[in-house]
Each structure stands twice: as C-alpha cells, then as structure tokens.
Amino acid sequence: VGHVAINSPQPGEEVARLWREESGDDDSHIGVLARLF
C-alpha cells in the first residue's frame, strides 16, 4: 500500500542544488527522498 526510496543526488536535480548552496554539503552527504506514495 506504499513505497518510498532514497536516491543519491543526480546531475541537474534542483532540490540537491538548493541544499548544497544553503548548507555547503556535498552530494556524499545528501539523500533525495523520492517515490513516496
């Protein structure tokens, strides 16, 4: 009845770019929550 996933940031992904700019984190410290239904 439900699903959720975590992906590594992909090139051009806006949400990861926004967080990198705000936090200074690099992609190795970011997970993108996706596919929640």
Full PDB file with SEQRES, HELIX, SHEET, SSBOND, CRYST1, ORIGX, SCALE, CONECT and MASTER records, all heavy atoms in Angstrom:
SEQRES   1 A   37  VAL GLY HIS VAL ALA ILE ASN SER PRO GLN PRO GLY GLU          
SEQRES   2 A   37  GLU VAL ALA ARG LEU TRP ARG GLU GLU SER GLY ASP ASP          
SEQRES   3 A   37  ASP SER HIS ILE GLY VAL LEU ALA ARG LEU PHE                  
HELIX    1 AA1 GLU A   14  SER A   23  1                                  10    
HELIX    2 AA2 ASP A   27  HIS A   29  5                                   3    
SHEET    1 AA1 2 ALA A   5  ASN A   7  0                                        
SHEET    2 AA1 2 VAL A  32  ALA A  34 -1                                        
CRYST1    1.000    1.000    1.000  90.00  90.00  90.00 P 1           1          
ORIGX1      1.000000  0.000000  0.000000        0.00000                         
ORIGX2      0.000000  1.000000  0.000000        0.00000                         
ORIGX3      0.000000  0.000000  1.000000        0.00000                         
SCALE1      1.000000  0.000000  0.000000        0.00000                         
SCALE2      0.000000  1.000000  0.000000        0.00000                         
SCALE3      0.000000  0.000000  1.000000        0.00000                         
ATOM      1  N   VAL A   1       0.813  -1.220   0.000  1.00  0.00           N  
ATOM      2  CA  VAL A   1       0.000   0.000   0.000  1.00  0.00           C  
ATOM      3  C   VAL A   1       0.847   1.272   0.000  1.00  0.00           C  
ATOM      4  O   VAL A   1       0.309   2.375   0.043  1.00  0.00           O  
ATOM      5  CB  VAL A   1      -0.983   0.020   1.187  1.00  0.00           C  
ATOM      6  CG1 VAL A   1      -2.023  -1.087   1.051  1.00  0.00           C  
ATOM      7  CG2 VAL A   1      -0.238  -0.077   2.510  1.00  0.00           C  
ATOM      8  N   GLY A   2       2.187   1.115  -0.027  1.00  0.00           N  
ATOM      9  CA  GLY A   2       3.023   2.300  -0.042  1.00  0.00           C  
ATOM     10  C   GLY A   2       4.451   1.972  -0.408  1.00  0.00           C  
ATOM     11  O   GLY A   2       4.870   0.809  -0.364  1.00  0.00           O  
ATOM     12  N   HIS A   3       5.187   3.003  -0.764  1.00  0.00           N  
ATOM     13  CA  HIS A   3       6.582   2.856  -1.185  1.00  0.00           C  
ATOM     14  C   HIS A   3       7.297   4.182  -0.962  1.00  0.00           C  
ATOM     15  O   HIS A   3       6.699   5.249  -1.101  1.00  0.00           O  
ATOM     16  CB  HIS A   3       6.612   2.504  -2.679  1.00  0.00           C  
ATOM     17  CG  HIS A   3       7.996   2.392  -3.251  1.00  0.00           C  
ATOM     18  ND1 HIS A   3       8.680   3.467  -3.768  1.00  0.00           N  
ATOM     19  CD2 HIS A   3       8.804   1.329  -3.394  1.00  0.00           C  
ATOM     20  CE1 HIS A   3       9.866   3.063  -4.202  1.00  0.00           C  
ATOM     21  NE2 HIS A   3       9.957   1.763  -3.996  1.00  0.00           N  
ATOM     22  N   VAL A   4       8.574   4.098  -0.602  1.00  0.00           N  
ATOM     23  CA  VAL A   4       9.429   5.281  -0.543  1.00  0.00           C  
ATOM     24  C   VAL A   4      10.850   4.835  -0.860  1.00  0.00           C  
ATOM     25  O   VAL A   4      11.215   3.678  -0.615  1.00  0.00           O  
ATOM     26  CB  VAL A   4       9.357   5.997   0.824  1.00  0.00           C  
ATOM     27  CG1 VAL A   4      10.027   5.193   1.932  1.00  0.00           C  
ATOM     28  CG2 VAL A   4       9.944   7.398   0.743  1.00  0.00           C  
ATOM     29  N   ALA A   5      11.636   5.741  -1.411  1.00  0.00           N  
ATOM     30  CA  ALA A   5      13.018   5.432  -1.769  1.00  0.00           C  
ATOM     31  C   ALA A   5      13.921   6.599  -1.419  1.00  0.00           C  
ATOM     32  O   ALA A   5      13.456   7.739  -1.272  1.00  0.00           O  
ATOM     33  CB  ALA A   5      13.120   5.140  -3.265  1.00  0.00           C  
ATOM     34  N   ILE A   6      15.201   6.304  -1.291  1.00  0.00           N  
ATOM     35  CA  ILE A   6      16.228   7.333  -1.154  1.00  0.00           C  
ATOM     36  C   ILE A   6      17.208   7.126  -2.299  1.00  0.00           C  
ATOM     37  O   ILE A   6      17.698   6.015  -2.517  1.00  0.00           O  
ATOM     38  CB  ILE A   6      16.968   7.245   0.191  1.00  0.00           C  
ATOM     39  CG1 ILE A   6      16.008   7.470   1.356  1.00  0.00           C  
ATOM     40  CG2 ILE A   6      18.120   8.265   0.231  1.00  0.00           C  
ATOM     41  CD1 ILE A   6      16.650   7.291   2.723  1.00  0.00           C  
ATOM     42  N   ASN A   7      17.472   8.199  -3.019  1.00  0.00           N  
ATOM     43  CA  ASN A   7      18.411   8.190  -4.132  1.00  0.00           C  
ATOM     44  C   ASN A   7      19.583   9.099  -3.827  1.00  0.00           C  
ATOM     45  O   ASN A   7      19.462  10.044  -3.034  1.00  0.00           O  
ATOM     46  CB  ASN A   7      17.733   8.711  -5.406  1.00  0.00           C  
ATOM     47  CG  ASN A   7      16.533   7.902  -5.808  1.00  0.00           C  
ATOM     48  OD1 ASN A   7      16.490   6.690  -5.612  1.00  0.00           O  
ATOM     49  ND2 ASN A   7      15.538   8.565  -6.374  1.00  0.00           N  
ATOM     50  N   SER A   8      20.693   8.845  -4.480  1.00  0.00           N  
ATOM     51  CA  SER A   8      21.783   9.810  -4.446  1.00  0.00           C  
ATOM     52  C   SER A   8      21.394  10.960  -5.376  1.00  0.00           C  
ATOM     53  O   SER A   8      20.619  10.763  -6.318  1.00  0.00           O  
ATOM     54  CB  SER A   8      23.091   9.158  -4.883  1.00  0.00           C  
ATOM     55  OG  SER A   8      22.967   8.613  -6.170  1.00  0.00           O  
ATOM     56  N   PRO A   9      21.891  12.161  -5.107  1.00  0.00           N  
ATOM     57  CA  PRO A   9      21.557  13.290  -5.992  1.00  0.00           C  
ATOM     58  C   PRO A   9      22.030  13.032  -7.419  1.00  0.00           C  
ATOM     59  O   PRO A   9      23.110  12.485  -7.634  1.00  0.00           O  
ATOM     60  CB  PRO A   9      22.325  14.464  -5.371  1.00  0.00           C  
ATOM     61  CG  PRO A   9      22.559  14.058  -3.952  1.00  0.00           C  
ATOM     62  CD  PRO A   9      22.720  12.570  -3.974  1.00  0.00           C  
ATOM     63  N   GLN A  10      21.202  13.426  -8.371  1.00  0.00           N  
ATOM     64  CA  GLN A  10      21.520  13.249  -9.787  1.00  0.00           C  
ATOM     65  C   GLN A  10      21.855  14.606 -10.404  1.00  0.00           C  
ATOM     66  O   GLN A  10      21.379  15.641  -9.935  1.00  0.00           O  
ATOM     67  CB  GLN A  10      20.330  12.604 -10.507  1.00  0.00           C  
ATOM     68  CG  GLN A  10      19.979  11.219  -9.990  1.00  0.00           C  
ATOM     69  CD  GLN A  10      21.129  10.243 -10.126  1.00  0.00           C  
ATOM     70  OE1 GLN A  10      21.607   9.987 -11.223  1.00  0.00           O  
ATOM     71  NE2 GLN A  10      21.606   9.705  -9.005  1.00  0.00           N  
ATOM     72  N   PRO A  11      22.661  14.623 -11.472  1.00  0.00           N  
ATOM     73  CA  PRO A  11      23.007  15.892 -12.122  1.00  0.00           C  
ATOM     74  C   PRO A  11      21.753  16.677 -12.505  1.00  0.00           C  
ATOM     75  O   PRO A  11      20.785  16.114 -13.006  1.00  0.00           O  
ATOM     76  CB  PRO A  11      23.775  15.443 -13.376  1.00  0.00           C  
ATOM     77  CG  PRO A  11      24.315  14.091 -13.017  1.00  0.00           C  
ATOM     78  CD  PRO A  11      23.280  13.465 -12.123  1.00  0.00           C  
ATOM     79  N   GLY A  12      21.769  17.959 -12.204  1.00  0.00           N  
ATOM     80  CA  GLY A  12      20.658  18.832 -12.565  1.00  0.00           C  
ATOM     81  C   GLY A  12      19.474  18.801 -11.611  1.00  0.00           C  
ATOM     82  O   GLY A  12      18.477  19.474 -11.855  1.00  0.00           O  
ATOM     83  N   GLU A  13      19.578  18.054 -10.521  1.00  0.00           N  
ATOM     84  CA  GLU A  13      18.464  17.951  -9.577  1.00  0.00           C  
ATOM     85  C   GLU A  13      18.390  19.228  -8.731  1.00  0.00           C  
ATOM     86  O   GLU A  13      19.288  19.525  -7.954  1.00  0.00           O  
ATOM     87  CB  GLU A  13      18.663  16.721  -8.698  1.00  0.00           C  
ATOM     88  CG  GLU A  13      17.414  16.228  -8.055  1.00  0.00           C  
ATOM     89  CD  GLU A  13      17.541  14.770  -7.659  1.00  0.00           C  
ATOM     90  OE1 GLU A  13      18.656  14.271  -7.436  1.00  0.00           O  
ATOM     91  OE2 GLU A  13      16.483  14.131  -7.592  1.00  0.00           O  
ATOM     92  N   GLU A  14      17.317  19.971  -8.916  1.00  0.00           N  
ATOM     93  CA  GLU A  14      17.173  21.292  -8.312  1.00  0.00           C  
ATOM     94  C   GLU A  14      17.214  21.249  -6.785  1.00  0.00           C  
ATOM     95  O   GLU A  14      17.860  22.081  -6.150  1.00  0.00           O  
ATOM     96  CB  GLU A  14      15.884  21.952  -8.808  1.00  0.00           C  
ATOM     97  CG  GLU A  14      15.662  23.357  -8.305  1.00  0.00           C  
ATOM     98  CD  GLU A  14      16.672  24.375  -8.832  1.00  0.00           C  
ATOM     99  OE1 GLU A  14      17.486  24.045  -9.713  1.00  0.00           O  
ATOM    100  OE2 GLU A  14      16.651  25.510  -8.343  1.00  0.00           O  
ATOM    101  N   VAL A  15      16.524  20.315  -6.163  1.00  0.00           N  
ATOM    102  CA  VAL A  15      16.464  20.279  -4.702  1.00  0.00           C  
ATOM    103  C   VAL A  15      17.853  20.047  -4.109  1.00  0.00           C  
ATOM    104  O   VAL A  15      18.210  20.653  -3.100  1.00  0.00           O  
ATOM    105  CB  VAL A  15      15.431  19.242  -4.190  1.00  0.00           C  
ATOM    106  CG1 VAL A  15      15.864  17.810  -4.492  1.00  0.00           C  
ATOM    107  CG2 VAL A  15      15.160  19.431  -2.708  1.00  0.00           C  
ATOM    108  N   ALA A  16      18.659  19.203  -4.725  1.00  0.00           N  
ATOM    109  CA  ALA A  16      20.021  18.969  -4.232  1.00  0.00           C  
ATOM    110  C   ALA A  16      20.866  20.229  -4.409  1.00  0.00           C  
ATOM    111  O   ALA A  16      21.653  20.592  -3.526  1.00  0.00           O  
ATOM    112  CB  ALA A  16      20.646  17.781  -4.943  1.00  0.00           C  
ATOM    113  N   ARG A  17      20.695  20.905  -5.533  1.00  0.00           N  
ATOM    114  CA  ARG A  17      21.436  22.151  -5.762  1.00  0.00           C  
ATOM    115  C   ARG A  17      21.084  23.190  -4.705  1.00  0.00           C  
ATOM    116  O   ARG A  17      21.968  23.828  -4.128  1.00  0.00           O  
ATOM    117  CB  ARG A  17      21.142  22.710  -7.158  1.00  0.00           C  
ATOM    118  CG  ARG A  17      21.953  23.997  -7.462  1.00  0.00           C  
ATOM    119  CD  ARG A  17      21.427  24.737  -8.682  1.00  0.00           C  
ATOM    120  NE  ARG A  17      20.088  25.263  -8.501  1.00  0.00           N  
ATOM    121  CZ  ARG A  17      19.788  26.355  -7.772  1.00  0.00           C  
ATOM    122  NH1 ARG A  17      20.728  27.017  -7.131  1.00  0.00           N  
ATOM    123  NH2 ARG A  17      18.541  26.757  -7.670  1.00  0.00           N  
ATOM    124  N   LEU A  18      19.795  23.347  -4.427  1.00  0.00           N  
ATOM    125  CA  LEU A  18      19.371  24.313  -3.412  1.00  0.00           C  
ATOM    126  C   LEU A  18      19.994  24.000  -2.054  1.00  0.00           C  
ATOM    127  O   LEU A  18      20.468  24.897  -1.360  1.00  0.00           O  
ATOM    128  CB  LEU A  18      17.841  24.315  -3.286  1.00  0.00           C  
ATOM    129  CG  LEU A  18      17.057  24.986  -4.398  1.00  0.00           C  
ATOM    130  CD1 LEU A  18      15.567  24.664  -4.261  1.00  0.00           C  
ATOM    131  CD2 LEU A  18      17.286  26.486  -4.389  1.00  0.00           C  
ATOM    132  N   TRP A  19      19.988  22.715  -1.677  1.00  0.00           N  
ATOM    133  CA  TRP A  19      20.536  22.356  -0.367  1.00  0.00           C  
ATOM    134  C   TRP A  19      22.052  22.518  -0.334  1.00  0.00           C  
ATOM    135  O   TRP A  19      22.609  22.963   0.665  1.00  0.00           O  
ATOM    136  CB  TRP A  19      20.113  20.956   0.051  1.00  0.00           C  
ATOM    137  CG  TRP A  19      20.597  20.669   1.433  1.00  0.00           C  
ATOM    138  CD1 TRP A  19      21.498  19.720   1.808  1.00  0.00           C  
ATOM    139  CD2 TRP A  19      20.253  21.367   2.622  1.00  0.00           C  
ATOM    140  NE1 TRP A  19      21.731  19.786   3.163  1.00  0.00           N  
ATOM    141  CE2 TRP A  19      20.976  20.798   3.680  1.00  0.00           C  
ATOM    142  CE3 TRP A  19      19.405  22.445   2.893  1.00  0.00           C  
ATOM    143  CZ2 TRP A  19      20.877  21.250   4.999  1.00  0.00           C  
ATOM    144  CZ3 TRP A  19      19.305  22.889   4.209  1.00  0.00           C  
ATOM    145  CH2 TRP A  19      20.035  22.310   5.241  1.00  0.00           C  
ATOM    146  N   ARG A  20      22.744  22.173  -1.411  1.00  0.00           N  
ATOM    147  CA  ARG A  20      24.199  22.384  -1.463  1.00  0.00           C  
ATOM    148  C   ARG A  20      24.528  23.851  -1.247  1.00  0.00           C  
ATOM    149  O   ARG A  20      25.433  24.192  -0.478  1.00  0.00           O  
ATOM    150  CB  ARG A  20      24.782  21.925  -2.805  1.00  0.00           C  
ATOM    151  CG  ARG A  20      25.007  20.435  -2.927  1.00  0.00           C  
ATOM    152  CD  ARG A  20      25.841  20.084  -4.155  1.00  0.00           C  
ATOM    153  NE  ARG A  20      25.290  20.599  -5.401  1.00  0.00           N  
ATOM    154  CZ  ARG A  20      24.406  19.956  -6.161  1.00  0.00           C  
ATOM    155  NH1 ARG A  20      23.960  18.765  -5.817  1.00  0.00           N  
ATOM    156  NH2 ARG A  20      23.962  20.493  -7.280  1.00  0.00           N  
ATOM    157  N   GLU A  21      23.776  24.734  -1.919  1.00  0.00           N  
ATOM    158  CA  GLU A  21      24.025  26.170  -1.792  1.00  0.00           C  
ATOM    159  C   GLU A  21      23.737  26.666  -0.381  1.00  0.00           C  
ATOM    160  O   GLU A  21      24.463  27.501   0.146  1.00  0.00           O  
ATOM    161  CB  GLU A  21      23.188  26.950  -2.798  1.00  0.00           C  
ATOM    162  CG  GLU A  21      23.689  26.816  -4.216  1.00  0.00           C  
ATOM    163  CD  GLU A  21      22.840  27.573  -5.219  1.00  0.00           C  
ATOM    164  OE1 GLU A  21      21.876  28.260  -4.819  1.00  0.00           O  
ATOM    165  OE2 GLU A  21      23.151  27.471  -6.431  1.00  0.00           O  
ATOM    166  N   GLU A  22      22.666  26.180   0.223  1.00  0.00           N  
ATOM    167  CA  GLU A  22      22.282  26.649   1.562  1.00  0.00           C  
ATOM    168  C   GLU A  22      23.191  26.089   2.651  1.00  0.00           C  
ATOM    169  O   GLU A  22      23.539  26.790   3.599  1.00  0.00           O  
ATOM    170  CB  GLU A  22      20.826  26.269   1.855  1.00  0.00           C  
ATOM    171  CG  GLU A  22      20.338  26.821   3.179  1.00  0.00           C  
ATOM    172  CD  GLU A  22      18.844  26.667   3.361  1.00  0.00           C  
ATOM    173  OE1 GLU A  22      18.095  26.896   2.397  1.00  0.00           O  
ATOM    174  OE2 GLU A  22      18.434  26.335   4.482  1.00  0.00           O  
ATOM    175  N   SER A  23      23.582  24.830   2.524  1.00  0.00           N  
ATOM    176  CA  SER A  23      24.281  24.150   3.617  1.00  0.00           C  
ATOM    177  C   SER A  23      25.787  24.023   3.434  1.00  0.00           C  
ATOM    178  O   SER A  23      26.517  23.852   4.414  1.00  0.00           O  
ATOM    179  CB  SER A  23      23.725  22.731   3.758  1.00  0.00           C  
ATOM    180  OG  SER A  23      24.091  21.952   2.620  1.00  0.00           O  
ATOM    181  N   GLY A  24      26.243  24.036   2.192  1.00  0.00           N  
ATOM    182  CA  GLY A  24      27.649  23.760   1.935  1.00  0.00           C  
ATOM    183  C   GLY A  24      27.958  22.271   1.888  1.00  0.00           C  
ATOM    184  O   GLY A  24      29.102  21.871   1.674  1.00  0.00           O  
ATOM    185  N   ASP A  25      26.937  21.411   2.097  1.00  0.00           N  
ATOM    186  CA  ASP A  25      27.132  19.962   1.995  1.00  0.00           C  
ATOM    187  C   ASP A  25      27.484  19.587   0.569  1.00  0.00           C  
ATOM    188  O   ASP A  25      27.095  20.277  -0.379  1.00  0.00           O  
ATOM    189  CB  ASP A  25      25.849  19.204   2.371  1.00  0.00           C  
ATOM    190  CG  ASP A  25      25.637  19.085   3.867  1.00  0.00           C  
ATOM    191  OD1 ASP A  25      26.567  19.380   4.638  1.00  0.00           O  
ATOM    192  OD2 ASP A  25      24.519  18.692   4.261  1.00  0.00           O  
ATOM    193  N   ASP A  26      28.202  18.469   0.414  1.00  0.00           N  
ATOM    194  CA  ASP A  26      28.407  17.941  -0.929  1.00  0.00           C  
ATOM    195  C   ASP A  26      27.469  16.742  -1.117  1.00  0.00           C  
ATOM    196  O   ASP A  26      26.809  16.301  -0.174  1.00  0.00           O  
ATOM    197  CB  ASP A  26      29.875  17.590  -1.195  1.00  0.00           C  
ATOM    198  CG  ASP A  26      30.394  16.488  -0.295  1.00  0.00           C  
ATOM    199  OD1 ASP A  26      29.616  15.617   0.152  1.00  0.00           O  
ATOM    200  OD2 ASP A  26      31.607  16.476  -0.031  1.00  0.00           O  
ATOM    201  N   ASP A  27      27.430  16.223  -2.330  1.00  0.00           N  
ATOM    202  CA  ASP A  27      26.471  15.166  -2.652  1.00  0.00           C  
ATOM    203  C   ASP A  27      26.644  13.914  -1.803  1.00  0.00           C  
ATOM    204  O   ASP A  27      25.690  13.166  -1.609  1.00  0.00           O  
ATOM    205  CB  ASP A  27      26.546  14.804  -4.131  1.00  0.00           C  
ATOM    206  CG  ASP A  27      25.865  15.828  -5.020  1.00  0.00           C  
ATOM    207  OD1 ASP A  27      25.206  16.749  -4.490  1.00  0.00           O  
ATOM    208  OD2 ASP A  27      25.983  15.704  -6.259  1.00  0.00           O  
ATOM    209  N   SER A  28      27.836  13.676  -1.264  1.00  0.00           N  
ATOM    210  CA  SER A  28      28.044  12.473  -0.450  1.00  0.00           C  
ATOM    211  C   SER A  28      27.303  12.545   0.883  1.00  0.00           C  
ATOM    212  O   SER A  28      27.164  11.534   1.563  1.00  0.00           O  
ATOM    213  CB  SER A  28      29.536  12.231  -0.206  1.00  0.00           C  
ATOM    214  OG  SER A  28      30.070  13.241   0.638  1.00  0.00           O  
ATOM    215  N   HIS A  29      26.797  13.728   1.244  1.00  0.00           N  
ATOM    216  CA  HIS A  29      26.055  13.898   2.498  1.00  0.00           C  
ATOM    217  C   HIS A  29      24.582  14.221   2.270  1.00  0.00           C  
ATOM    218  O   HIS A  29      23.881  14.638   3.188  1.00  0.00           O  
ATOM    219  CB  HIS A  29      26.702  15.000   3.343  1.00  0.00           C  
ATOM    220  CG  HIS A  29      28.057  14.610   3.830  1.00  0.00           C  
ATOM    221  ND1 HIS A  29      29.208  15.021   3.214  1.00  0.00           N  
ATOM    222  CD2 HIS A  29      28.430  13.804   4.851  1.00  0.00           C  
ATOM    223  CE1 HIS A  29      30.239  14.507   3.850  1.00  0.00           C  
ATOM    224  NE2 HIS A  29      29.803  13.763   4.847  1.00  0.00           N  
ATOM    225  N   ILE A  30      24.118  14.048   1.025  1.00  0.00           N  
ATOM    226  CA  ILE A  30      22.728  14.363   0.682  1.00  0.00           C  
ATOM    227  C   ILE A  30      22.044  13.114   0.141  1.00  0.00           C  
ATOM    228  O   ILE A  30      22.604  12.392  -0.674  1.00  0.00           O  
ATOM    229  CB  ILE A  30      22.662  15.477  -0.387  1.00  0.00           C  
ATOM    230  CG1 ILE A  30      23.312  16.760   0.137  1.00  0.00           C  
ATOM    231  CG2 ILE A  30      21.208  15.740  -0.803  1.00  0.00           C  
ATOM    232  CD1 ILE A  30      23.480  17.839  -0.926  1.00  0.00           C  
ATOM    233  N   GLY A  31      20.830  12.871   0.612  1.00  0.00           N  
ATOM    234  CA  GLY A  31      19.975  11.830   0.065  1.00  0.00           C  
ATOM    235  C   GLY A  31      18.691  12.470  -0.427  1.00  0.00           C  
ATOM    236  O   GLY A  31      18.174  13.384   0.215  1.00  0.00           O  
ATOM    237  N   VAL A  32      18.196  12.014  -1.551  1.00  0.00           N  
ATOM    238  CA  VAL A  32      16.964  12.570  -2.113  1.00  0.00           C  
ATOM    239  C   VAL A  32      15.835  11.573  -1.868  1.00  0.00           C  
ATOM    240  O   VAL A  32      15.849  10.464  -2.387  1.00  0.00           O  
ATOM    241  CB  VAL A  32      17.112  12.858  -3.620  1.00  0.00           C  
ATOM    242  CG1 VAL A  32      15.812  13.440  -4.172  1.00  0.00           C  
ATOM    243  CG2 VAL A  32      18.286  13.811  -3.869  1.00  0.00           C  
ATOM    244  N   LEU A  33      14.897  11.980  -1.028  1.00  0.00           N  
ATOM    245  CA  LEU A  33      13.731  11.145  -0.752  1.00  0.00           C  
ATOM    246  C   LEU A  33      12.825  11.205  -1.978  1.00  0.00           C  
ATOM    247  O   LEU A  33      12.537  12.291  -2.480  1.00  0.00           O  
ATOM    248  CB  LEU A  33      12.990  11.635   0.483  1.00  0.00           C  
ATOM    249  CG  LEU A  33      11.934  10.640   0.940  1.00  0.00           C  
ATOM    250  CD1 LEU A  33      12.257  10.146   2.336  1.00  0.00           C  
ATOM    251  CD2 LEU A  33      10.575  11.259   0.899  1.00  0.00           C  
ATOM    252  N   ALA A  34      12.410  10.046  -2.459  1.00  0.00           N  
ATOM    253  CA  ALA A  34      11.658  10.007  -3.711  1.00  0.00           C  
ATOM    254  C   ALA A  34      10.649   8.867  -3.692  1.00  0.00           C  
ATOM    255  O   ALA A  34      10.716   7.973  -2.860  1.00  0.00           O  
ATOM    256  CB  ALA A  34      12.626   9.816  -4.883  1.00  0.00           C  
ATOM    257  N   ARG A  35       9.760   8.923  -4.634  1.00  0.00           N  
ATOM    258  CA  ARG A  35       8.824   7.837  -4.901  1.00  0.00           C  
ATOM    259  C   ARG A  35       7.889   7.536  -3.733  1.00  0.00           C  
ATOM    260  O   ARG A  35       7.411   6.422  -3.612  1.00  0.00           O  
ATOM    261  CB  ARG A  35       9.544   6.545  -5.302  1.00  0.00           C  
ATOM    262  CG  ARG A  35      10.603   6.668  -6.367  1.00  0.00           C  
ATOM    263  CD  ARG A  35      10.007   7.137  -7.687  1.00  0.00           C  
ATOM    264  NE  ARG A  35      10.917   6.942  -8.786  1.00  0.00           N  
ATOM    265  CZ  ARG A  35      11.643   7.920  -9.346  1.00  0.00           C  
ATOM    266  NH1 ARG A  35      11.563   9.143  -8.877  1.00  0.00           N  
ATOM    267  NH2 ARG A  35      12.419   7.658 -10.362  1.00  0.00           N  
ATOM    268  N   LEU A  36       7.654   8.523  -2.861  1.00  0.00           N  
ATOM    269  CA  LEU A  36       6.707   8.266  -1.769  1.00  0.00           C  
ATOM    270  C   LEU A  36       5.303   8.221  -2.352  1.00  0.00           C  
ATOM    271  O   LEU A  36       4.855   9.167  -2.986  1.00  0.00           O  
ATOM    272  CB  LEU A  36       6.778   9.349  -0.695  1.00  0.00           C  
ATOM    273  CG  LEU A  36       5.743   9.195   0.420  1.00  0.00           C  
ATOM    274  CD1 LEU A  36       5.978   7.927   1.228  1.00  0.00           C  
ATOM    275  CD2 LEU A  36       5.738  10.411   1.328  1.00  0.00           C  
ATOM    276  N   PHE A  37       4.659   7.093  -2.171  1.00  0.00           N  
ATOM    277  CA  PHE A  37       3.238   7.032  -2.490  1.00  0.00           C  
ATOM    278  C   PHE A  37       2.563   6.104  -1.501  1.00  0.00           C  
ATOM    279  O   PHE A  37       3.166   5.179  -0.964  1.00  0.00           O  
ATOM    280  CB  PHE A  37       2.967   6.613  -3.946  1.00  0.00           C  
ATOM    281  CG  PHE A  37       3.312   5.189  -4.279  1.00  0.00           C  
ATOM    282  CD1 PHE A  37       2.423   4.153  -4.031  1.00  0.00           C  
ATOM    283  CD2 PHE A  37       4.522   4.882  -4.858  1.00  0.00           C  
ATOM    284  CE1 PHE A  37       2.734   2.841  -4.357  1.00  0.00           C  
ATOM    285  CE2 PHE A  37       4.840   3.568  -5.189  1.00  0.00           C  
ATOM    286  CZ  PHE A  37       3.944   2.548  -4.932  1.00  0.00           C  
TER     287      PHE A  37                                                      
MASTER        0    0    0    2    2    0    0    6  286    1    0    3          
END                                                                             
